[in-house]
Amino acid sequence: MPLHPQSKTYLDRFPPIPGADLDSITDDEVEVLRHLDNKKAERGAPVDVFSVTDTTVGDVPVRLYRPTGDPALPVVVYLHGGGWVYGTLPQHDPMGRDLAVRTGATVAMVDYRLAPHHVFPAAVDDAWAVVRDVFDHPARYDAAPGRVAVAGDSAGGNLAAVAAWLARDAGLPLAHQALVYPVTDVAMDTPSYNRFHSGYGLSAADMAWVVGKYAPGVDPRDPRLSPLHLADKSGLAPATVITAEYDPLRDEGRAYAHALHEAGVPVDYREFAGALHGFFTFPGFFDAAYEAREYLARNLRKSLEKS
């Protein structure tokens, strides 16, 4: 369908900077830019939850959002987006609260290490450490043993997909993997990359830059970086995969959902027509964010109830 009017308004309000030289940004400047947020209002008003607790798994900060005081809640480990370079817990606080209420689960938001100071596989290691810890020490989270899912958007969707196959290989019964416009193949050679390479928010140049910061010199077919290239996808956790129509990452998300289905993994796939990359994060701007969050939360609730 045509670009949604809200997507058009978003692009008009937050246009790309003509001639921006990403390579001129120093690593120290990245650290500063990471904490700026010109879209705070668009992230939505924070909803009330029963408790918000900061803890650590080793050296990895984790923020726990409990929707109720009920004991033994399921846990959703959430990995935020930002191209493995950007994103902070305060920026994603409204997301954590909202998903906790929608899913009825404790949301464990992982503050994984970010590039360029921490390159691949630091983010993978941090994501996996938290998933493993929830399984190994459920009492720390006042969690229902074994009722664990992973979720994430964009680069966080990439980390969630990787954590899902690490869990399978470790024999951990992950209940679900919820992937929102995930990075699944850093080759960046799909038709959606060619069609939406610029002018639609996230650009091909943006993606090339963050991949270069996060995984310099890494084999692009390494499944810890590009989970689409995982040789055996059978036995992975049931999945929800969400993509946006006007997104360079659309086709690789669609391809990952198809590959999971071909491997016998239950998959619920949905593409949001007229939407841009990032819409899920900004319910204050995109009505589709609410629809997508409820769709994802409903699937998580069903899987966590069965586990």
Protein backbone atom coordinates (compact mmCIF):
# COMPACT_ATOMS: atom_id res chain seq x y z
CA MET A 1 0.00 0.00 0.00
CA PRO A 2 1.13 3.62 -0.21
CA LEU A 3 3.26 5.07 2.55
CA HIS A 4 0.99 5.56 5.57
CA PRO A 5 0.17 9.25 6.23
CA GLN A 6 1.73 8.96 9.69
CA SER A 7 4.91 7.61 8.09
CA LYS A 8 4.95 10.54 5.67
CA THR A 9 4.47 13.01 8.53
CA TYR A 10 7.27 11.31 10.49
CA LEU A 11 9.67 11.62 7.56
CA ASP A 12 8.74 15.28 7.12
CA ARG A 13 9.38 15.94 10.81
CA PHE A 14 12.60 13.94 11.08
CA PRO A 15 14.24 14.21 7.63
CA PRO A 16 17.71 12.77 6.99
CA ILE A 17 20.55 15.26 7.12
CA PRO A 18 21.71 15.86 3.53
CA GLY A 19 25.34 14.96 2.99
CA ALA A 20 25.83 13.62 6.52
CA ASP A 21 29.27 12.03 6.86
CA LEU A 22 28.80 9.17 9.30
CA ASP A 23 32.46 8.22 9.11
CA SER A 24 33.42 11.60 10.55
CA ILE A 25 31.69 10.77 13.87
CA THR A 26 34.30 9.81 16.44
CA ASP A 27 33.82 7.00 18.92
CA ASP A 28 33.66 9.52 21.77
CA GLU A 29 30.98 11.49 19.92
CA VAL A 30 28.95 8.29 19.57
CA GLU A 31 28.93 8.00 23.36
CA VAL A 32 27.47 11.51 23.59
CA LEU A 33 24.95 11.07 20.79
CA ARG A 34 23.72 7.83 22.35
CA HIS A 35 22.18 9.70 25.27
CA LEU A 36 20.43 12.36 23.18
CA ASP A 37 16.77 11.71 22.49
CA ASN A 38 14.79 14.05 20.24
CA LYS A 39 11.88 11.58 20.14
CA LYS A 40 11.24 11.16 23.86
CA ALA A 41 7.59 12.22 23.64
CA GLU A 42 7.00 9.82 20.75
CA ARG A 43 8.10 6.87 22.89
CA GLY A 44 4.82 7.14 24.78
CA ALA A 45 3.89 7.99 28.34
CA PRO A 46 5.23 5.46 30.86
CA VAL A 47 2.48 3.28 32.31
CA ASP A 48 2.42 2.22 35.95
CA VAL A 49 3.77 -1.21 36.87
CA PHE A 50 4.04 -2.97 40.22
CA SER A 51 7.82 -2.54 40.45
CA VAL A 52 10.90 -1.50 38.53
CA THR A 53 14.17 -2.95 39.80
CA ASP A 54 17.72 -2.52 38.55
CA THR A 55 20.02 -5.52 38.92
CA THR A 56 23.01 -7.06 37.16
CA VAL A 57 23.96 -10.38 35.66
CA GLY A 58 27.70 -10.40 36.10
CA ASP A 59 28.60 -6.97 34.72
CA VAL A 60 25.46 -6.67 32.56
CA PRO A 61 22.85 -4.19 33.85
CA VAL A 62 19.26 -5.44 33.66
CA ARG A 63 16.06 -3.57 34.49
CA LEU A 64 13.14 -5.69 35.64
CA TYR A 65 9.55 -4.55 35.08
CA ARG A 66 7.01 -6.56 37.11
CA PRO A 67 3.40 -5.89 36.11
CA THR A 68 1.91 -7.32 39.31
CA GLY A 69 2.99 -8.58 42.71
CA ASP A 70 1.95 -12.13 41.86
CA PRO A 71 4.68 -14.69 42.51
CA ALA A 72 6.34 -16.78 39.82
CA LEU A 73 5.57 -14.68 36.76
CA PRO A 74 6.92 -15.69 33.34
CA VAL A 75 9.86 -13.63 32.04
CA VAL A 76 10.40 -11.94 28.69
CA VAL A 77 14.04 -11.02 28.11
CA TYR A 78 13.94 -7.91 25.91
CA LEU A 79 16.80 -6.66 23.71
CA HIS A 80 16.37 -3.09 22.52
CA GLY A 81 17.20 -1.76 19.07
CA GLY A 82 19.71 0.86 18.04
CA GLY A 83 22.06 -0.84 15.60
CA TRP A 84 24.21 -2.32 18.39
CA VAL A 85 25.52 1.25 18.78
CA TYR A 86 22.68 3.30 20.23
CA GLY A 87 19.95 2.82 22.81
CA THR A 88 19.75 3.25 26.58
CA LEU A 89 17.55 1.86 29.35
CA PRO A 90 15.90 5.26 30.03
CA GLN A 91 14.96 5.58 26.35
CA HIS A 92 13.33 2.16 26.35
CA ASP A 93 11.71 2.46 29.77
CA PRO A 94 8.22 3.15 28.30
CA MET A 95 8.59 0.04 26.12
CA GLY A 96 9.53 -2.17 29.07
CA ARG A 97 6.61 -0.95 31.14
CA ASP A 98 4.10 -1.30 28.32
CA LEU A 99 5.14 -4.81 27.36
CA ALA A 100 5.11 -5.96 30.98
CA VAL A 101 1.49 -4.84 31.32
CA ARG A 102 0.47 -6.28 27.95
CA THR A 103 2.14 -9.67 28.45
CA GLY A 104 1.53 -10.11 32.18
CA ALA A 105 5.19 -11.14 32.40
CA THR A 106 8.24 -9.65 34.02
CA VAL A 107 10.18 -7.87 31.28
CA ALA A 108 13.94 -8.05 31.75
CA MET A 109 15.38 -5.20 29.67
CA VAL A 110 19.06 -5.89 28.96
CA ASP A 111 21.54 -3.01 28.88
CA TYR A 112 23.99 -4.94 26.72
CA ARG A 113 27.37 -3.53 25.78
CA LEU A 114 27.39 -1.31 22.72
CA ALA A 115 29.79 -0.64 19.87
CA PRO A 116 32.12 0.94 18.98
CA HIS A 117 33.86 0.44 22.34
CA HIS A 118 32.46 -3.09 22.66
CA VAL A 119 32.42 -4.96 19.37
CA PHE A 120 30.96 -8.30 18.30
CA PRO A 121 30.30 -10.65 20.01
CA ALA A 122 29.99 -8.55 23.21
CA ALA A 123 26.28 -7.85 22.70
CA VAL A 124 25.59 -11.52 21.92
CA ASP A 125 27.48 -12.60 25.03
CA ASP A 126 25.51 -10.19 27.23
CA ALA A 127 22.14 -11.18 25.79
CA TRP A 128 22.90 -14.86 26.21
CA ALA A 129 24.22 -14.37 29.75
CA VAL A 130 20.88 -12.89 30.83
CA VAL A 131 18.76 -15.54 29.11
CA ARG A 132 20.86 -18.26 30.67
CA ASP A 133 20.69 -16.64 34.09
CA VAL A 134 16.87 -16.50 34.05
CA PHE A 135 16.80 -20.24 33.40
CA ASP A 136 19.53 -21.04 35.91
CA HIS A 137 18.36 -18.78 38.73
CA PRO A 138 14.59 -18.21 38.41
CA ALA A 139 14.33 -17.27 42.09
CA ARG A 140 16.41 -14.17 41.39
CA TYR A 141 13.60 -12.97 39.14
CA ASP A 142 10.75 -14.41 41.21
CA ALA A 143 10.09 -16.23 37.96
CA ALA A 144 8.10 -19.27 36.97
CA PRO A 145 10.80 -21.88 36.16
CA GLY A 146 11.05 -22.54 32.44
CA ARG A 147 8.50 -19.93 31.37
CA VAL A 148 10.96 -17.72 29.50
CA ALA A 149 10.77 -15.94 26.14
CA VAL A 150 13.04 -13.55 24.25
CA ALA A 151 12.02 -10.50 22.26
CA GLY A 152 13.70 -7.60 20.56
CA ASP A 153 13.48 -5.00 17.82
CA SER A 154 15.92 -4.35 14.97
CA ALA A 155 19.44 -5.07 16.27
CA GLY A 156 17.72 -6.33 19.41
CA GLY A 157 15.67 -8.66 17.24
CA ASN A 158 18.95 -9.94 15.85
CA LEU A 159 20.22 -10.63 19.39
CA ALA A 160 16.94 -12.29 20.36
CA ALA A 161 17.12 -14.59 17.32
CA VAL A 162 20.70 -15.53 18.17
CA ALA A 163 19.82 -16.12 21.83
CA ALA A 164 16.99 -18.40 20.69
CA TRP A 165 19.31 -20.78 18.86
CA LEU A 166 21.89 -20.64 21.66
CA ALA A 167 19.09 -21.66 24.04
CA ARG A 168 18.11 -24.54 21.77
CA ASP A 169 21.69 -25.76 21.56
CA ALA A 170 22.02 -25.53 25.35
CA GLY A 171 18.87 -27.59 25.83
CA LEU A 172 16.89 -24.73 27.38
CA PRO A 173 13.14 -24.84 26.58
CA LEU A 174 12.57 -21.28 25.41
CA ALA A 175 8.83 -20.64 25.07
CA HIS A 176 8.89 -18.05 22.29
CA GLN A 177 11.01 -15.65 20.25
CA ALA A 178 9.39 -12.37 19.24
CA LEU A 179 11.36 -10.55 16.55
CA VAL A 180 10.41 -7.05 15.40
CA TYR A 181 11.95 -6.03 12.04
CA PRO A 182 15.07 -8.03 12.99
CA VAL A 183 18.48 -7.86 11.36
CA THR A 184 18.96 -11.42 10.12
CA ASP A 185 21.52 -11.01 7.31
CA VAL A 186 24.08 -8.20 7.09
CA ALA A 187 24.71 -8.82 3.36
CA MET A 188 22.31 -5.91 2.68
CA ASP A 189 21.53 -7.12 -0.84
CA THR A 190 17.78 -7.75 -0.80
CA PRO A 191 15.19 -6.06 -3.03
CA SER A 192 13.90 -4.08 -0.02
CA TYR A 193 17.43 -2.72 0.52
CA ASN A 194 17.55 -1.65 -3.11
CA ARG A 195 14.10 -0.09 -3.03
CA PHE A 196 14.27 1.64 0.36
CA HIS A 197 18.00 2.37 0.53
CA SER A 198 17.38 6.04 1.35
CA GLY A 199 14.55 8.43 2.07
CA TYR A 200 12.59 6.16 4.41
CA GLY A 201 14.22 6.81 7.78
CA LEU A 202 16.70 3.97 8.25
CA SER A 203 19.01 3.95 5.22
CA ALA A 204 21.40 1.44 3.72
CA ALA A 205 24.25 3.81 4.61
CA ASP A 206 23.09 3.84 8.25
CA MET A 207 23.10 0.05 8.35
CA ALA A 208 26.51 -0.25 6.71
CA TRP A 209 27.92 2.18 9.28
CA VAL A 210 26.51 0.42 12.36
CA VAL A 211 27.54 -3.02 11.09
CA GLY A 212 31.03 -1.64 10.50
CA LYS A 213 31.12 -0.30 14.06
CA TYR A 214 29.72 -3.45 15.63
CA ALA A 215 31.33 -6.23 13.61
CA PRO A 216 34.43 -4.97 11.79
CA GLY A 217 36.06 -7.76 9.84
CA VAL A 218 33.53 -10.41 10.95
CA ASP A 219 32.36 -13.00 8.44
CA PRO A 220 28.90 -11.68 7.40
CA ARG A 221 27.66 -15.29 7.27
CA ASP A 222 28.52 -15.97 10.90
CA PRO A 223 25.13 -16.99 12.35
CA ARG A 224 25.89 -15.04 15.55
CA LEU A 225 25.79 -11.96 13.31
CA SER A 226 23.43 -13.13 10.56
CA PRO A 227 21.09 -15.77 12.02
CA LEU A 228 19.53 -16.37 8.61
CA HIS A 229 22.71 -18.35 7.86
CA LEU A 230 22.25 -20.73 10.78
CA ALA A 231 22.53 -24.12 9.08
CA ASP A 232 19.91 -25.92 11.18
CA LYS A 233 16.86 -24.02 12.35
CA SER A 234 14.83 -27.02 13.41
CA GLY A 235 13.75 -27.18 17.02
CA LEU A 236 13.93 -23.44 17.58
CA ALA A 237 11.33 -21.77 19.79
CA PRO A 238 8.02 -20.76 18.20
CA ALA A 239 8.32 -17.31 16.67
CA THR A 240 6.49 -14.10 16.02
CA VAL A 241 8.12 -12.03 13.28
CA ILE A 242 7.00 -8.48 12.52
CA THR A 243 8.23 -6.41 9.59
CA ALA A 244 7.46 -2.95 8.19
CA GLU A 245 6.62 -2.53 4.52
CA TYR A 246 8.85 0.52 3.89
CA ASP A 247 11.97 -0.83 5.59
CA PRO A 248 15.31 -1.97 4.13
CA LEU A 249 15.19 -4.88 6.63
CA ARG A 250 11.78 -6.10 5.45
CA ASP A 251 12.92 -8.88 3.15
CA GLU A 252 15.43 -10.45 5.53
CA GLY A 253 12.80 -10.54 8.28
CA ARG A 254 10.37 -12.16 5.87
CA ALA A 255 13.08 -14.60 4.74
CA TYR A 256 13.83 -15.56 8.33
CA ALA A 257 10.17 -16.25 9.06
CA HIS A 258 10.00 -18.40 5.91
CA ALA A 259 13.18 -20.28 6.86
CA LEU A 260 11.81 -21.02 10.31
CA HIS A 261 8.57 -22.29 8.80
CA GLU A 262 10.48 -24.51 6.35
CA ALA A 263 12.41 -25.95 9.32
CA GLY A 264 9.16 -26.91 11.04
CA VAL A 265 9.14 -24.06 13.57
CA PRO A 266 5.71 -22.56 14.32
CA VAL A 267 5.79 -18.99 13.00
CA ASP A 268 3.31 -16.14 13.09
CA TYR A 269 4.44 -13.51 10.56
CA ARG A 270 2.95 -10.11 9.93
CA GLU A 271 4.05 -7.21 7.76
CA PHE A 272 2.64 -3.80 8.72
CA ALA A 273 1.55 -2.06 5.56
CA GLY A 274 2.74 1.48 4.96
CA ALA A 275 4.97 1.39 8.05
CA LEU A 276 8.59 2.48 8.52
CA HIS A 277 11.44 0.85 10.39
CA GLY A 278 11.22 1.92 14.03
CA PHE A 279 7.46 2.36 14.19
CA PHE A 280 7.14 -0.19 17.03
CA THR A 281 9.19 2.05 19.34
CA PHE A 282 7.08 5.17 18.86
CA PRO A 283 3.45 4.68 19.88
CA GLY A 284 3.23 8.42 20.43
CA PHE A 285 3.55 8.82 16.67
CA PHE A 286 2.34 5.61 15.01
CA ASP A 287 -1.04 4.07 15.76
CA ALA A 288 0.31 0.83 14.31
CA ALA A 289 2.71 0.57 17.25
CA TYR A 290 -0.19 -0.19 19.59
CA GLU A 291 -1.57 -2.80 17.20
CA ALA A 292 1.84 -4.41 16.76
CA ARG A 293 2.54 -4.48 20.49
CA GLU A 294 -0.77 -6.12 21.28
CA TYR A 295 -0.24 -8.65 18.48
CA LEU A 296 3.22 -9.52 19.82
CA ALA A 297 2.04 -9.57 23.45
CA ARG A 298 -0.88 -11.85 22.63
CA ASN A 299 1.46 -14.41 21.07
CA LEU A 300 3.85 -14.17 24.00
CA ARG A 301 1.00 -14.67 26.48
CA LYS A 302 -0.19 -17.79 24.66
CA SER A 303 3.26 -19.34 24.51
CA LEU A 304 4.12 -18.53 28.11
CA GLU A 305 0.82 -19.95 29.34
CA LYS A 306 1.55 -23.26 27.61
CA SER A 307 5.15 -23.61 28.79
